[in-house]
Amino acid sequence: MTGALPAGLRGFYENPSVPVASGDERSRRQALMLARVLTHEPSLVVDVGCGDGSAAATAGPLLAGHRVVGIDWSQDALRRAVTRMDHVVRGELTAGGLPLPDATADAVLFSEVVEHLADPDSAMDELRRVLRPGGHLMLSTPNLAAWYNRVLLSAGVQPVFSEVSLRGIHGRPGSQVVGHLRLFTARALRSFLTAAGFEVVTLAGAPFHGVPRPLRLLDRAACAAPSMASILLVHARRV
């Protein structure tokens, strides 16, 4: 899910081999956070950057009674999402690029998107536009300061989630290029959202599905300290 991008990046995100799902556990945790705060039915929940729709499918049973609409820029992602979601539409994170009137959405799911954006500030402006006053933003993004990244960086190894090229992996663990342009720590994410006109209500952690199996229990335990967790989960509200 992108705003205005150079042709090379547009081609990258339309490539069917680029992963667009980020793990069921993160999706469940995020949906539970949202279900707890939606106080009336039916609420309009907009999944901005819905990818292939797998996250919405995981969240669906927890959001029963609410209308979930998926929006993505990638036509390839939307072709896959329509098999998992009842309502999908194309949109962009530019001024007026989301196909919704002002202040109409009760909640926005913004899962593993902000790290891909060339212009995250304009994207947050657009999310604020479509959210009603007091509306909920459920944002997730990889944590630059995840527990293993602290170890890797101290050893001079490129942190997980960070990328220096769209053509290959250089100097970090992993085998897939996923197009991360921005990375956040918990402190930076709080500050960024506050500056964008949101009030951070809750910051929690989630495990990363790509952690090697012998380390997964440790990764789940790290969620108790969100600043060290693999994935940052934020519930914020439009001020």
Protein backbone atom coordinates (compact mmCIF):
# COMPACT_ATOMS: atom_id res chain seq x y z
CA MET A 1 0.00 0.00 0.00
CA THR A 2 1.78 3.09 -1.19
CA GLY A 3 1.33 6.68 -2.15
CA ALA A 4 3.11 8.21 -5.14
CA LEU A 5 6.11 6.01 -5.93
CA PRO A 6 8.85 5.89 -8.56
CA ALA A 7 8.25 3.36 -11.30
CA GLY A 8 10.80 0.93 -9.83
CA LEU A 9 9.00 0.75 -6.51
CA ARG A 10 5.60 0.42 -8.16
CA GLY A 11 6.87 -2.57 -10.11
CA PHE A 12 8.31 -4.08 -6.93
CA TYR A 13 5.00 -3.93 -5.07
CA GLU A 14 3.05 -5.37 -8.01
CA ASN A 15 5.37 -8.41 -8.12
CA PRO A 16 3.34 -11.46 -6.99
CA SER A 17 6.44 -12.94 -5.31
CA VAL A 18 6.70 -10.04 -2.83
CA PRO A 19 5.15 -11.16 0.48
CA VAL A 20 2.00 -9.27 1.51
CA ALA A 21 1.05 -11.23 4.66
CA SER A 22 2.66 -10.78 8.07
CA GLY A 23 1.55 -13.60 10.33
CA ASP A 24 -1.66 -14.84 11.93
CA GLU A 25 -0.59 -14.19 15.53
CA ARG A 26 -0.08 -10.49 14.91
CA SER A 27 -3.44 -10.31 13.12
CA ARG A 28 -5.25 -12.02 16.01
CA ARG A 29 -3.71 -9.78 18.64
CA GLN A 30 -4.50 -6.67 16.66
CA ALA A 31 -8.09 -7.74 16.02
CA LEU A 32 -8.60 -8.48 19.72
CA MET A 33 -7.38 -4.99 20.60
CA LEU A 34 -9.87 -3.52 18.14
CA ALA A 35 -12.81 -5.72 19.16
CA ARG A 36 -12.43 -4.55 22.76
CA VAL A 37 -12.88 -0.89 21.86
CA LEU A 38 -15.62 -1.03 19.21
CA THR A 39 -18.65 -0.21 21.32
CA HIS A 40 -21.41 -0.26 18.72
CA GLU A 41 -22.38 -2.41 15.75
CA PRO A 42 -22.04 -2.24 12.91
CA SER A 43 -18.85 -0.18 12.83
CA LEU A 44 -17.03 0.58 9.60
CA VAL A 45 -13.51 -0.86 9.80
CA VAL A 46 -11.17 0.00 6.94
CA ASP A 47 -8.18 -2.28 6.38
CA VAL A 48 -5.78 0.10 4.64
CA GLY A 49 -3.07 -1.86 2.89
CA CYS A 50 -5.09 -5.07 3.13
CA GLY A 51 -2.62 -7.03 1.01
CA ASP A 52 -3.94 -10.47 0.09
CA GLY A 53 -6.73 -10.27 2.68
CA SER A 54 -5.26 -12.97 4.94
CA ALA A 55 -5.05 -10.65 7.96
CA ALA A 56 -8.70 -9.64 7.55
CA ALA A 57 -9.69 -13.29 7.23
CA THR A 58 -7.91 -14.07 10.51
CA ALA A 59 -9.54 -11.08 12.20
CA GLY A 60 -12.99 -11.75 10.76
CA PRO A 61 -14.42 -13.95 13.55
CA LEU A 62 -13.29 -11.41 16.15
CA LEU A 63 -14.93 -8.54 14.27
CA ALA A 64 -18.25 -10.22 13.53
CA GLY A 65 -21.04 -7.69 13.24
CA HIS A 66 -18.77 -5.00 11.85
CA ARG A 67 -18.25 -4.12 8.20
CA VAL A 68 -14.62 -4.57 7.11
CA VAL A 69 -13.54 -2.96 3.83
CA GLY A 70 -10.12 -3.71 2.36
CA ILE A 71 -8.19 -1.04 0.46
CA ASP A 72 -4.89 -1.50 -1.33
CA TRP A 73 -2.93 0.16 -4.09
CA SER A 74 -1.66 -3.08 -5.63
CA GLN A 75 -3.95 -4.63 -8.20
CA ASP A 76 -2.23 -7.97 -7.66
CA ALA A 77 -2.96 -7.84 -3.92
CA LEU A 78 -6.60 -6.93 -4.55
CA ARG A 79 -7.06 -9.87 -6.91
CA ARG A 80 -6.03 -12.15 -4.06
CA ALA A 81 -7.89 -10.23 -1.34
CA VAL A 82 -11.24 -10.53 -3.09
CA THR A 83 -11.17 -14.28 -2.42
CA ARG A 84 -11.00 -13.64 1.36
CA MET A 85 -12.93 -10.38 1.88
CA ASP A 86 -16.44 -9.31 0.93
CA HIS A 87 -15.53 -5.70 0.17
CA VAL A 88 -12.26 -4.57 -1.47
CA VAL A 89 -11.44 -1.42 -3.40
CA ARG A 90 -8.36 0.27 -4.82
CA GLY A 91 -6.98 3.38 -3.12
CA GLU A 92 -3.78 5.28 -2.44
CA LEU A 93 -2.29 7.02 0.57
CA THR A 94 -2.18 10.43 -1.05
CA ALA A 95 -4.39 13.44 -0.30
CA GLY A 96 -7.91 12.25 -1.07
CA GLY A 97 -6.56 8.94 -2.35
CA LEU A 98 -8.69 6.72 -0.11
CA PRO A 99 -12.18 6.30 -1.61
CA LEU A 100 -14.02 7.45 1.51
CA PRO A 101 -15.62 10.75 2.54
CA ASP A 102 -14.15 12.70 5.43
CA ALA A 103 -14.71 11.37 8.98
CA THR A 104 -16.64 8.23 8.01
CA ALA A 105 -14.52 5.33 9.31
CA ASP A 106 -14.91 4.14 12.89
CA ALA A 107 -11.56 2.34 12.79
CA VAL A 108 -8.58 1.88 10.51
CA LEU A 109 -6.40 -1.20 10.47
CA PHE A 110 -2.94 -0.21 9.27
CA SER A 111 -0.94 -3.39 9.49
CA GLU A 112 2.70 -3.65 8.36
CA VAL A 113 2.28 -0.72 5.97
CA VAL A 114 3.98 2.36 7.40
CA GLU A 115 7.44 0.80 7.06
CA HIS A 116 6.93 0.62 3.28
CA LEU A 117 6.07 4.27 2.72
CA ALA A 118 8.18 6.92 1.05
CA ASP A 119 5.98 9.63 2.60
CA PRO A 120 4.50 8.40 5.92
CA ASP A 121 3.51 11.93 6.98
CA SER A 122 1.08 12.38 4.09
CA ALA A 123 -0.24 8.88 4.70
CA MET A 124 -1.12 9.72 8.29
CA ASP A 125 -2.87 12.89 7.10
CA GLU A 126 -5.04 10.76 4.84
CA LEU A 127 -5.87 8.30 7.63
CA ARG A 128 -6.88 11.20 9.88
CA ARG A 129 -9.10 12.53 7.12
CA VAL A 130 -11.18 9.36 6.80
CA LEU A 131 -11.38 8.61 10.54
CA ARG A 132 -14.18 10.17 12.54
CA PRO A 133 -13.13 12.25 15.56
CA GLY A 134 -12.20 9.80 18.29
CA GLY A 135 -11.94 7.00 15.72
CA HIS A 136 -9.52 4.15 16.32
CA LEU A 137 -6.23 3.53 14.53
CA MET A 138 -4.75 0.05 14.91
CA LEU A 139 -1.21 0.21 13.55
CA SER A 140 1.44 -2.48 13.53
CA THR A 141 5.02 -2.31 12.31
CA PRO A 142 8.31 -4.16 12.85
CA ASN A 143 10.39 -3.00 15.80
CA LEU A 144 13.87 -1.78 14.94
CA ALA A 145 14.83 -2.33 18.60
CA ALA A 146 13.57 -5.94 18.78
CA TRP A 147 15.54 -8.03 21.25
CA TYR A 148 17.54 -9.88 18.57
CA ASN A 149 18.27 -6.67 16.63
CA ARG A 150 19.98 -5.28 19.71
CA VAL A 151 22.26 -8.31 19.72
CA LEU A 152 22.86 -8.24 15.97
CA LEU A 153 23.69 -4.55 15.83
CA SER A 154 26.12 -4.85 18.75
CA ALA A 155 27.91 -7.50 16.66
CA GLY A 156 27.99 -5.27 13.59
CA VAL A 157 25.24 -7.19 11.75
CA GLN A 158 22.52 -5.38 9.81
CA PRO A 159 19.26 -5.58 11.85
CA VAL A 160 16.39 -7.81 10.79
CA PHE A 161 13.64 -5.88 8.94
CA SER A 162 16.13 -3.29 7.62
CA GLU A 163 17.06 -3.34 3.94
CA VAL A 164 19.66 -1.56 1.86
CA SER A 165 18.48 -2.82 -1.55
CA LEU A 166 15.34 -3.99 -3.34
CA ARG A 167 17.40 -6.45 -5.36
CA GLY A 168 18.81 -8.70 -2.67
CA ILE A 169 19.69 -9.32 0.99
CA HIS A 170 22.89 -7.67 2.18
CA GLY A 171 24.40 -8.12 5.61
CA ARG A 172 21.32 -9.25 7.54
CA PRO A 173 19.59 -12.56 8.34
CA GLY A 174 16.70 -13.63 6.15
CA SER A 175 16.08 -14.57 2.53
CA GLN A 176 13.25 -12.30 1.34
CA VAL A 177 13.34 -8.69 0.18
CA VAL A 178 10.14 -7.04 1.42
CA GLY A 179 10.66 -3.35 0.65
CA HIS A 180 11.05 -1.70 4.06
CA LEU A 181 11.87 2.00 3.76
CA ARG A 182 11.12 3.17 7.33
CA LEU A 183 11.73 1.53 10.70
CA PHE A 184 10.55 2.56 14.15
CA THR A 185 11.39 2.00 17.77
CA ALA A 186 8.56 2.19 20.31
CA ARG A 187 9.65 5.67 21.37
CA ALA A 188 9.89 6.95 17.80
CA LEU A 189 6.49 5.50 16.90
CA ARG A 190 4.78 7.19 19.85
CA SER A 191 6.33 10.51 18.93
CA PHE A 192 5.46 10.12 15.24
CA LEU A 193 1.80 9.35 15.93
CA THR A 194 1.43 12.18 18.42
CA ALA A 195 2.87 14.63 15.90
CA ALA A 196 0.41 13.29 13.28
CA GLY A 197 -2.60 14.17 15.45
CA PHE A 198 -3.24 10.88 17.24
CA GLU A 199 -3.36 10.00 20.92
CA VAL A 200 -1.58 6.73 21.72
CA VAL A 201 -3.86 4.67 23.99
CA THR A 202 -2.01 1.33 24.11
CA LEU A 203 1.32 0.04 22.86
CA ALA A 204 1.77 -3.73 22.90
CA GLY A 205 4.03 -6.33 21.31
CA ALA A 206 3.53 -9.29 18.98
CA PRO A 207 5.82 -12.11 17.87
CA PHE A 208 7.33 -12.38 14.39
CA HIS A 209 6.41 -15.46 12.37
CA GLY A 210 9.86 -15.50 10.74
CA VAL A 211 11.80 -16.09 13.96
CA PRO A 212 13.57 -19.51 13.88
CA ARG A 213 11.59 -22.18 15.71
CA PRO A 214 14.08 -22.68 18.60
CA LEU A 215 13.75 -18.97 19.46
CA ARG A 216 9.97 -18.61 19.22
CA LEU A 217 9.25 -19.06 22.93
CA LEU A 218 11.77 -16.34 23.70
CA ASP A 219 10.21 -14.12 21.05
CA ARG A 220 6.76 -14.56 22.57
CA ALA A 221 8.13 -13.79 26.04
CA ALA A 222 9.63 -10.54 24.72
CA CYS A 223 6.11 -9.31 23.93
CA ALA A 224 5.71 -8.56 27.64
CA ALA A 225 8.12 -5.67 27.08
CA PRO A 226 6.79 -4.01 23.88
CA SER A 227 9.94 -1.94 23.39
CA MET A 228 11.81 -5.24 22.83
CA ALA A 229 9.10 -7.17 20.96
CA SER A 230 9.45 -8.15 17.31
CA ILE A 231 6.31 -6.29 16.24
CA LEU A 232 4.87 -3.09 17.69
CA LEU A 233 1.07 -2.97 18.02
CA VAL A 234 -0.44 0.45 18.68
CA HIS A 235 -3.99 1.49 19.44
CA ALA A 236 -4.32 5.23 18.88
CA ARG A 237 -7.27 7.56 18.52
CA ARG A 238 -7.80 10.53 16.25
CA VAL A 239 -7.58 13.65 18.41
